[in-house]
C-alpha cells in the first residue's frame, strides 16, 4: 500500500512539473537617475572649484571635471559632457617668487593689472588659434606662496569681445578660489 502511495505521489509531482509555465510579467525598466557629482570629487585643483560657483560666475554649466598633479603643480579642467569647448582650466603651483619677480617674469605683455586678488594679479585675452577660439586668462600670485592661473578657452566660433567680457567674470571667480585649501 505504501508503495502505491509513493508511486502516486511521484506521479503527481512529475505531472505538475510538466504543466504550462505561467506567462512572465513585463516589468518596465528602471528610470535612469542622474547624479550630480561635484567637481571637487576629481581631486587636484578641482577641490578648489564647484560647478555651481563656476556657473554663477561665467554663466555656463559645466558637468565634467578632470584633475592632474605633478610635483608641486595641481591642475583642473572642467567641460561640458556635450562639447569639448569651452573649457575652464585652473592651475596652482607652489612657488617662492616675490611680487617683483612675478611682475617681471610671469605677467605677459599687454596684460591688464587686477586689484584685490592675491599679492599681484593680471588678466588678458588672446586671439583664436588652431582649433579653438579666444582665450581669457587671469593669473595671480596668491598670498600663500602659490602661483595660480584660471583660463577660459572658447569655442572656435566665439568672438574675442566675448572673451574680453568673460575675463572680468574670471576675476570674480578667481577671488573665490582659496589656494590654501590644496
Protein backbone atom coordinates (compact mmCIF):
# COMPACT_ATOMS: atom_id res chain seq x y z
CA UNK A 1 0.00 0.00 0.00
CA UNK A 2 2.79 2.33 0.88
CA UNK A 3 4.43 1.65 -2.44
CA UNK A 4 1.26 2.70 -4.29
CA UNK A 5 1.02 5.94 -2.31
CA UNK A 6 4.67 6.76 -3.01
CA UNK A 7 4.25 5.97 -6.73
CA UNK A 8 1.07 8.09 -6.88
CA UNK A 9 2.85 10.99 -5.12
CA UNK A 10 5.82 10.84 -7.50
CA UNK A 11 3.49 10.66 -10.50
CA UNK A 12 1.69 13.76 -9.21
CA UNK A 13 4.96 15.64 -8.85
CA UNK A 14 6.05 14.65 -12.33
CA UNK A 15 2.76 15.72 -13.89
CA UNK A 16 2.73 19.03 -12.04
CA UNK A 17 6.24 19.80 -13.34
CA UNK A 18 5.02 19.33 -16.90
CA UNK A 19 2.29 21.88 -16.57
CA UNK A 20 2.50 25.03 -18.68
CA UNK A 21 4.61 27.75 -17.12
CA UNK A 22 2.97 30.99 -16.13
CA UNK A 23 3.42 33.89 -18.52
CA UNK A 24 6.22 36.24 -17.35
CA UNK A 25 5.06 39.59 -16.08
CA UNK A 26 6.51 42.52 -18.03
CA UNK A 27 8.29 44.90 -15.68
CA UNK A 28 9.22 48.34 -17.02
CA UNK A 29 12.95 49.12 -16.97
CA UNK A 30 14.10 51.37 -14.14
CA UNK A 31 14.24 55.06 -14.88
CA UNK A 32 17.89 56.13 -15.14
CA UNK A 33 18.84 58.58 -12.46
CA UNK A 34 21.24 61.45 -12.91
CA UNK A 35 23.73 62.03 -10.15
CA UNK A 36 25.28 65.48 -9.95
CA UNK A 37 28.91 64.87 -8.94
CA UNK A 38 30.89 67.77 -7.57
CA UNK A 39 33.99 68.95 -9.43
CA UNK A 40 35.93 68.51 -6.19
CA UNK A 41 35.49 64.75 -6.40
CA UNK A 42 38.12 64.71 -9.18
CA UNK A 43 40.85 65.80 -6.75
CA UNK A 44 43.81 68.04 -7.63
CA UNK A 45 42.94 71.68 -8.15
CA UNK A 46 39.32 70.61 -8.76
CA UNK A 47 38.99 70.57 -4.96
CA UNK A 48 39.02 74.37 -5.23
CA UNK A 49 36.15 74.56 -7.73
CA UNK A 50 32.44 73.93 -7.66
CA UNK A 51 30.23 73.60 -10.75
CA UNK A 52 27.57 75.90 -9.26
CA UNK A 53 30.13 78.56 -8.34
CA UNK A 54 31.57 78.42 -11.87
CA UNK A 55 28.11 78.69 -13.42
CA UNK A 56 27.27 81.72 -11.29
CA UNK A 57 30.45 83.48 -12.41
CA UNK A 58 30.69 82.60 -16.12
CA UNK A 59 27.04 81.74 -16.89
CA UNK A 60 27.94 78.36 -18.42
CA UNK A 61 27.07 74.99 -16.85
CA UNK A 62 29.93 72.50 -16.76
CA UNK A 63 29.47 68.91 -15.59
CA UNK A 64 32.77 67.11 -16.23
CA UNK A 65 36.00 67.67 -14.30
CA UNK A 66 39.44 66.11 -14.60
CA UNK A 67 42.44 66.74 -12.37
CA UNK A 68 46.17 66.24 -12.59
CA UNK A 69 49.00 66.61 -10.12
CA UNK A 70 52.66 66.72 -10.98
CA UNK A 71 55.31 67.70 -8.48
CA UNK A 72 54.07 70.97 -6.91
CA UNK A 73 51.50 71.75 -9.63
CA UNK A 74 47.79 70.96 -9.31
CA UNK A 75 45.52 71.33 -12.33
CA UNK A 76 41.81 71.04 -13.03
CA UNK A 77 39.95 71.18 -16.35
CA UNK A 78 36.16 71.44 -16.46
CA UNK A 79 33.99 70.99 -19.53
CA UNK A 80 30.51 70.16 -20.57
CA UNK A 81 29.94 66.48 -21.29
CA UNK A 82 28.29 67.52 -24.55
CA UNK A 83 31.20 69.56 -26.01
CA UNK A 84 34.96 69.85 -25.70
CA UNK A 85 34.88 73.66 -25.78
CA UNK A 86 34.52 75.93 -23.98
CA UNK A 87 36.67 74.70 -21.14
CA UNK A 88 37.92 76.24 -17.92
CA UNK A 89 41.35 75.39 -16.52
CA UNK A 90 42.70 76.13 -13.05
CA UNK A 91 46.39 75.61 -12.33
CA UNK A 92 48.05 76.16 -8.94
CA UNK A 93 51.80 75.80 -8.32
CA UNK A 94 53.80 76.27 -5.15
CA UNK A 95 56.41 79.00 -5.62
CA UNK A 96 58.97 81.10 -3.83
CA UNK A 97 58.86 84.06 -6.22
CA UNK A 98 58.06 87.52 -4.92
CA UNK A 99 55.95 90.35 -6.36
CA UNK A 100 58.86 91.83 -8.30
CA UNK A 101 59.71 88.53 -9.97
CA UNK A 102 56.04 87.87 -10.68
CA UNK A 103 55.68 91.25 -12.37
CA UNK A 104 58.89 90.89 -14.38
CA UNK A 105 58.80 87.20 -15.35
CA UNK A 106 55.20 85.99 -15.18
CA UNK A 107 52.90 88.84 -16.19
CA UNK A 108 52.52 88.74 -20.01
CA UNK A 109 52.99 91.80 -22.20
CA UNK A 110 49.83 93.87 -22.66
CA UNK A 111 48.13 92.26 -19.67
CA UNK A 112 45.82 94.41 -17.54
CA UNK A 113 46.52 94.78 -13.85
CA UNK A 114 43.92 93.31 -11.46
CA UNK A 115 43.46 94.65 -7.94
CA UNK A 116 42.11 92.82 -4.92
CA UNK A 117 43.40 89.40 -5.97
CA UNK A 118 46.39 87.93 -4.14
CA UNK A 119 49.66 89.88 -3.87
CA UNK A 120 49.59 90.82 -7.55
CA UNK A 121 47.39 89.76 -10.47
CA UNK A 122 46.74 90.29 -14.18
CA UNK A 123 44.16 89.48 -16.82
CA UNK A 124 44.43 89.19 -20.57
CA UNK A 125 42.85 87.70 -23.67
CA UNK A 126 44.41 86.14 -26.72
CA UNK A 127 43.05 85.64 -30.22
CA UNK A 128 41.67 82.38 -31.56
CA UNK A 129 44.29 79.98 -32.89
CA UNK A 130 44.30 76.44 -34.19
CA UNK A 131 41.16 74.54 -33.31
CA UNK A 132 39.90 76.78 -30.53
CA UNK A 133 38.53 80.24 -30.00
CA UNK A 134 39.93 83.14 -27.99
CA UNK A 135 41.34 82.59 -24.51
CA UNK A 136 40.68 84.68 -21.41
CA UNK A 137 43.21 84.33 -18.60
CA UNK A 138 43.62 85.56 -15.04
CA UNK A 139 46.89 84.92 -13.22
CA UNK A 140 47.85 85.81 -9.68
CA UNK A 141 50.47 85.42 -7.01
CA UNK A 142 48.49 84.20 -4.03
CA UNK A 143 49.41 85.33 -0.54
CA UNK A 144 50.25 81.76 0.49
CA UNK A 145 53.24 81.27 -1.83
CA UNK A 146 51.29 79.86 -4.75
CA UNK A 147 51.11 80.91 -8.36
CA UNK A 148 47.64 80.43 -9.84
CA UNK A 149 46.02 80.86 -13.22
CA UNK A 150 42.45 80.49 -14.38
CA UNK A 151 41.86 80.35 -18.12
CA UNK A 152 38.83 80.05 -20.36
CA UNK A 153 39.25 78.59 -23.84
CA UNK A 154 36.32 79.48 -26.06
CA UNK A 155 34.77 77.54 -28.90
CA UNK A 156 36.21 78.07 -32.36
CA UNK A 157 33.39 80.37 -33.48
CA UNK A 158 33.36 82.62 -30.39
CA UNK A 159 34.33 86.28 -30.58
CA UNK A 160 37.28 87.89 -28.84
CA UNK A 161 34.97 90.57 -27.42
CA UNK A 162 33.10 87.81 -25.56
CA UNK A 163 36.42 86.59 -24.13
CA UNK A 164 37.24 90.15 -23.01
CA UNK A 165 33.94 90.32 -21.17
CA UNK A 166 34.48 86.86 -19.71
CA UNK A 167 37.88 87.88 -18.32
CA UNK A 168 36.03 90.08 -15.82
CA UNK A 169 33.90 87.10 -14.73
CA UNK A 170 37.10 85.05 -14.32
CA UNK A 171 38.48 87.69 -11.96
CA UNK A 172 35.31 87.35 -9.86
CA UNK A 173 35.69 83.56 -9.85
CA UNK A 174 39.43 83.75 -9.07
CA UNK A 175 38.70 85.85 -5.98
CA UNK A 176 36.64 82.92 -4.65
CA UNK A 177 39.38 80.32 -5.19
CA UNK A 178 41.15 79.58 -1.92
CA UNK A 179 44.54 78.18 -2.96
CA UNK A 180 45.36 77.42 0.69
CA UNK A 181 42.89 74.51 0.53
CA UNK A 182 45.33 72.41 -1.53
